[in-house]
Protein backbone atom coordinates (compact mmCIF):
# COMPACT_ATOMS: atom_id res chain seq x y z
CA MET A 1 32.15 57.98 52.69
CA ARG A 2 30.24 61.12 51.88
CA HIS A 3 30.42 62.19 55.54
CA LEU A 4 34.20 61.74 55.56
CA ILE A 5 34.65 63.90 52.48
CA CYS A 6 32.42 66.62 53.94
CA ALA A 7 34.36 66.60 57.23
CA LEU A 8 37.67 66.81 55.39
CA ALA A 9 36.40 69.70 53.26
CA ALA A 10 35.21 71.55 56.38
CA VAL A 11 38.62 71.16 58.09
CA LEU A 12 40.50 72.34 55.01
CA PHE A 13 38.12 75.26 54.53
CA THR A 14 38.51 76.52 58.13
CA THR A 15 42.28 76.01 58.41
CA GLY A 16 42.90 77.51 54.98
CA ALA A 17 41.35 80.79 56.09
CA ALA A 18 43.46 80.75 59.26
CA PHE A 19 46.73 80.22 57.38
CA ALA A 20 45.89 82.76 54.66
CA GLN A 21 47.00 85.63 56.89
CA TYR A 22 50.64 84.40 56.85
CA PRO A 23 52.72 84.92 53.71
CA PRO A 24 54.18 81.81 52.13
CA ALA A 25 57.62 80.80 53.33
CA THR A 26 60.55 81.57 51.05
CA TYR A 27 63.66 79.49 50.73
CA PRO A 28 66.31 80.54 51.60
CA PRO A 29 64.79 82.67 54.37
CA GLN A 30 64.96 86.41 53.71
CA SER A 31 66.45 88.90 56.11
CA PRO A 32 64.00 90.98 58.15
CA PRO A 33 62.89 94.25 56.61
CA ALA A 34 65.31 97.11 57.09
CA TYR A 35 64.28 99.72 59.62
CA PRO A 36 64.16 103.29 58.42
CA GLN A 37 67.45 105.04 59.01
CA PRO A 38 67.42 108.17 61.19
CA TYR A 39 67.59 111.45 59.37
CA PRO A 40 71.13 112.73 58.88
CA PRO A 41 71.97 115.82 60.94
CA PRO A 42 71.35 119.06 59.04
CA TYR A 43 74.93 120.21 59.68
CA PRO A 44 78.01 117.98 59.51
CA ASN A 45 79.85 119.60 62.43
CA PRO A 46 78.85 121.49 65.61
CA ASP A 47 80.42 124.78 64.48
CA GLN A 48 78.05 125.02 61.51
CA ALA A 49 75.10 124.17 63.76
CA ASP A 50 76.11 126.89 66.26
CA ASP A 51 76.50 129.41 63.45
CA ALA A 52 73.04 128.60 62.08
CA LYS A 53 71.46 128.80 65.55
CA CYS A 54 73.00 132.20 66.32
CA ARG A 55 72.00 133.55 62.89
CA SER A 56 68.44 132.26 63.40
CA TRP A 57 68.22 134.48 66.47
CA GLY A 58 69.04 137.47 64.30
CA LEU A 59 72.64 137.93 65.40
CA VAL A 60 75.14 139.17 62.84
CA PRO A 61 78.64 137.61 62.60
CA GLY A 62 81.36 139.97 63.82
CA THR A 63 79.30 141.51 66.61
CA ARG A 64 79.86 141.00 70.31
CA ALA A 65 76.43 139.42 70.77
CA TYR A 66 77.19 136.87 68.02
CA SER A 67 80.54 135.92 69.59
CA ASP A 68 78.90 135.61 73.04
CA CYS A 69 76.23 133.36 71.52
CA ARG A 70 78.84 131.12 69.88
CA MET A 71 80.91 130.96 73.07
CA THR A 72 77.88 130.05 75.19
CA LEU A 73 76.78 127.32 72.80
CA ASP A 74 80.31 125.93 72.67
CA GLN A 75 80.63 125.86 76.47
CA ASN A 76 77.24 124.20 76.93
CA ARG A 77 77.92 121.45 74.41
CA PRO A 78 78.31 118.04 76.15
CA ALA A 79 81.72 116.43 75.99
CA PRO A 80 82.13 113.61 73.47
CA PRO A 81 82.00 110.13 74.98
CA PRO A 82 85.37 108.51 75.69
CA PRO A 83 86.46 105.87 73.19
CA TYR A 84 86.93 103.33 75.98
CA PRO A 85 84.50 102.86 78.91
CA TYR A 86 87.31 103.39 81.44
CA PRO A 87 89.64 106.39 81.73
CA ASN A 88 92.78 104.34 81.03
CA PRO A 89 92.71 100.85 79.56
CA PRO A 90 94.61 98.29 81.61
CA PRO A 91 98.10 97.50 80.34
CA PRO A 92 98.70 94.05 78.88
CA TRP A 93 99.99 91.45 81.33
CA ARG A 94 103.73 90.97 81.41
CA PRO A 95 105.78 88.74 83.69
CA GLY A 96 107.67 90.38 86.52
CA PRO A 97 111.36 91.22 86.37
CA PRO A 98 113.71 88.29 86.01
CA PRO A 99 115.31 87.07 89.23
CA ILE A 100 118.73 88.39 90.14
CA PRO A 101 121.30 85.77 89.17
CA ASN A 102 123.10 83.95 91.96
CA GLU A 103 120.63 85.24 94.56
CA ILE A 104 120.06 83.24 97.73
CA SER A 105 116.66 82.77 99.35
CA ASP A 106 115.94 84.13 102.83
CA ARG A 107 115.51 80.61 104.23
CA ASP A 108 118.82 79.39 102.78
CA ALA A 109 120.66 82.49 104.03
CA ALA A 110 119.33 81.93 107.56
CA ASN A 111 120.28 78.22 107.42
CA TYR A 112 123.83 78.95 106.18
CA CYS A 113 124.33 81.59 108.87
CA GLU A 114 123.06 79.26 111.60
CA LYS A 115 125.33 76.46 110.38
CA ALA A 116 128.35 78.80 110.41
CA ALA A 117 127.48 80.00 113.94
CA ARG A 118 127.02 76.46 115.29
CA THR A 119 130.40 75.29 113.90
CA ALA A 120 132.41 77.81 115.98
CA PRO A 121 130.32 78.98 118.92
CA ALA A 122 131.89 81.32 121.47
CA TYR A 123 129.82 79.75 124.26
CA PRO A 124 127.85 76.50 124.64
CA ILE A 125 124.56 77.00 122.74
CA VAL A 126 121.31 76.08 124.46
CA LYS A 127 118.96 77.00 121.60
CA LEU A 128 118.28 79.49 118.81
CA ALA A 129 116.20 82.30 120.35
CA ALA A 130 115.53 84.65 117.40
CA LYS A 131 116.13 84.79 113.67
CA ILE A 132 115.71 87.94 111.52
CA VAL A 133 116.41 88.18 107.77
CA THR A 134 116.54 91.63 106.17
CA PRO A 135 116.11 91.31 102.39
CA GLY A 136 117.69 93.64 99.88
CA ARG A 137 120.70 93.84 97.62
CA GLU A 138 122.74 92.69 100.57
CA LYS A 139 120.82 90.24 102.78
CA VAL A 140 121.51 90.62 106.46
CA VAL A 141 120.75 87.68 108.78
CA LYS A 142 120.72 88.32 112.51
CA LEU A 143 120.61 85.35 114.88
CA SER A 144 120.36 85.36 118.64
CA PHE A 145 121.28 82.22 120.61
CA ASN A 146 120.59 81.35 124.24
CA VAL A 147 124.01 80.41 125.61
CA ILE A 148 125.69 79.56 128.90
CA LYS A 149 128.42 82.11 129.60
CA PRO A 150 131.36 81.50 131.95
CA GLY A 151 130.25 81.13 135.53
CA ALA A 152 127.12 79.21 134.47
CA LYS A 153 125.26 82.42 133.69
CA PRO A 154 122.61 82.27 130.97
CA GLY A 155 122.91 84.92 128.29
CA PHE A 156 122.59 85.69 124.59
CA TRP A 157 125.10 85.48 121.78
CA ASN A 158 124.19 87.63 118.75
CA VAL A 159 125.52 86.78 115.28
CA GLU A 160 125.25 88.75 112.05
CA CYS A 161 125.85 87.37 108.54
CA ARG A 162 125.83 89.33 105.29
CA PHE A 163 125.16 87.82 101.87
CA ARG A 164 125.74 89.38 98.47
CA GLY A 165 125.49 87.72 95.08
CA GLY A 166 124.50 84.40 96.65
CA LYS A 167 127.58 84.16 98.88
CA MET A 168 128.26 84.96 102.53
CA THR A 169 130.47 88.06 102.58
CA SER A 170 130.85 88.54 106.33
CA PHE A 171 130.22 86.74 109.60
CA SER A 172 130.46 88.60 112.88
CA GLY A 173 129.74 87.54 116.41
CA PRO A 174 131.34 88.83 119.64
CA ARG A 175 133.70 86.41 121.37
């Protein structure tokens, strides 16, 4: 038993010295020590600092040398940093303009024009050869059909449809 007590005393004695270098914990934990604040500038604005610097060189206010000194110091002063890291902040997102009421899509305009052309063809239609839709305030749909003209000659029949405000305003095709 005596050996156990001696061993316990030796452990406590050696660990106690090791933990003595740390201050006791406080509850609640304290904030870290405040760092020393930098010294305030000796002059509140750059003009006063420039005036003091030019006077320290022995220049007298009102002389040409003093005004040259002030002008040089002012021109060599770095520009203040911009308030935002980019030259112009991006504008907030806004949805695009609302769609024009009663507007017809390009696909629907082409389909309506083709349907109108196929209901009253000037010649027997073989197939649709080309389809062009020009968007804008007034959509223009141009269709070109392969047709069989009189005398069994193959040819083309060109049709143009115009749409405004969601409705077909004109249909033209040579006869």
